[in-house]
C-alpha atoms as a PDB file:
ATOM      1  CA  MET A   1       5.189  -0.977  22.087  1.00  0.00           C
ATOM      2  CA  PRO A   2       1.617   0.266  21.190  1.00  0.00           C
ATOM      3  CA  LEU A   3       4.152   2.694  19.952  1.00  0.00           C
ATOM      4  CA  THR A   4       5.834   0.530  17.477  1.00  0.00           C
ATOM      5  CA  VAL A   5       2.174  -0.713  15.948  1.00  0.00           C
ATOM      6  CA  LEU A   6       1.531   2.690  15.696  1.00  0.00           C
ATOM      7  CA  LEU A   7       5.130   3.774  13.053  1.00  0.00           C
ATOM      8  CA  LEU A   8       4.611   0.493  11.286  1.00  0.00           C
ATOM      9  CA  ALA A   9       0.875   1.743  10.745  1.00  0.00           C
ATOM     10  CA  LEU A  10       2.191   5.031   9.231  1.00  0.00           C
ATOM     11  CA  LEU A  11       4.548   3.498   7.882  1.00  0.00           C
ATOM     12  CA  LEU A  12       2.953   1.300   5.912  1.00  0.00           C
ATOM     13  CA  LEU A  13       0.265   4.560   4.653  1.00  0.00           C
ATOM     14  CA  ILE A  14       2.673   6.422   3.876  1.00  0.00           C
ATOM     15  CA  VAL A  15       4.614   3.599   0.989  1.00  0.00           C
ATOM     16  CA  THR A  16       0.797   3.455  -0.123  1.00  0.00           C
ATOM     17  CA  LEU A  17       0.243   6.668  -0.918  1.00  0.00           C
ATOM     18  CA  LEU A  18       3.963   7.282  -2.396  1.00  0.00           C
ATOM     19  CA  VAL A  19       2.587   4.906  -4.998  1.00  0.00           C
ATOM     20  CA  GLY A  20       0.166   5.271  -5.063  1.00  0.00           C
ATOM     21  CA  THR A  21       0.029   8.783  -6.419  1.00  0.00           C
ATOM     22  CA  GLY A  22       3.007   6.906  -8.226  1.00  0.00           C
ATOM     23  CA  VAL A  23       1.209   5.475  -9.912  1.00  0.00           C
ATOM     24  CA  MET A  24      -1.390   7.816 -10.172  1.00  0.00           C
ATOM     25  CA  VAL A  25       0.990   9.995 -11.821  1.00  0.00           C
ATOM     26  CA  LEU A  26       1.894   7.027 -14.315  1.00  0.00           C
ATOM     27  CA  LEU A  27      -1.224   6.302 -15.912  1.00  0.00           C
ATOM     28  CA  LEU A  28      -1.300   9.948 -16.334  1.00  0.00           C
ATOM     29  CA  TYR A  29       1.466  10.224 -19.264  1.00  0.00           C
ATOM     30  CA  ARG A  30       1.277   6.389 -19.645  1.00  0.00           C
ATOM     31  CA  PRO A  31      -2.519   5.459 -20.340  1.00  0.00           C
ATOM     32  CA  SER A  32      -1.172   1.683 -22.423  1.00  0.00           C
ATOM     33  CA  TRP A  33       0.097   0.569 -19.117  1.00  0.00           C
ATOM     34  CA  CYS A  34      -3.325   0.581 -17.213  1.00  0.00           C
ATOM     35  CA  ALA A  35      -4.089  -3.386 -17.846  1.00  0.00           C
ATOM     36  CA  PRO A  36      -0.310  -3.986 -15.358  1.00  0.00           C
ATOM     37  CA  LEU A  37       0.020  -1.005 -12.855  1.00  0.00           C
ATOM     38  CA  ALA A  38      -3.947  -1.190 -11.948  1.00  0.00           C
ATOM     39  CA  GLY A  39      -2.207  -5.336 -11.096  1.00  0.00           C
ATOM     40  CA  ALA A  40       0.248  -4.221  -8.847  1.00  0.00           C
ATOM     41  CA  LEU A  41      -1.061  -2.055  -7.620  1.00  0.00           C
ATOM     42  CA  ALA A  42      -3.517  -4.111  -6.018  1.00  0.00           C
ATOM     43  CA  THR A  43      -1.124  -6.605  -5.125  1.00  0.00           C
ATOM     44  CA  MET A  44      -0.054  -3.687  -3.439  1.00  0.00           C
ATOM     45  CA  ALA A  45      -3.266  -3.638  -2.094  1.00  0.00           C
ATOM     46  CA  PHE A  46      -3.995  -6.663  -1.066  1.00  0.00           C
ATOM     47  CA  MET A  47      -0.318  -7.043   0.462  1.00  0.00           C
ATOM     48  CA  VAL A  48      -0.192  -4.200   2.788  1.00  0.00           C
ATOM     49  CA  THR A  49      -4.225  -5.716   3.843  1.00  0.00           C
ATOM     50  CA  ALA A  50      -2.281  -8.919   4.620  1.00  0.00           C
ATOM     51  CA  ALA A  51       0.171  -6.768   7.108  1.00  0.00           C
ATOM     52  CA  GLY A  52      -2.481  -5.113   9.440  1.00  0.00           C
ATOM     53  CA  LEU A  53      -4.344  -7.978   9.849  1.00  0.00           C
ATOM     54  CA  LEU A  54      -1.204  -9.792  11.128  1.00  0.00           C
ATOM     55  CA  VAL A  55      -0.594  -5.905  13.249  1.00  0.00           C
ATOM     56  CA  SER A  56      -4.305  -5.681  14.098  1.00  0.00           C
ATOM     57  CA  VAL A  57      -4.385 -10.116  14.997  1.00  0.00           C
ATOM     58  CA  THR A  58      -1.079 -11.134  17.155  1.00  0.00           C
ATOM     59  CA  ARG A  59      -1.791  -7.187  18.988  1.00  0.00           C
ATOM     60  CA  THR A  60      -4.821  -8.216  20.224  1.00  0.00           C
END
């Protein structure tokens, strides 16, 4: 079972890095979208944190 937790954490990390990179590139080309993208990025970070906490709490 620990392997599935590690795979889930790796998947969350990869998705977070891909979305973060996409947001950074988009902000470089469209600075006027800064406010909506900052809100979307904050929501994504909250969801990843909540999912990570759920995994860590249920595994201990």
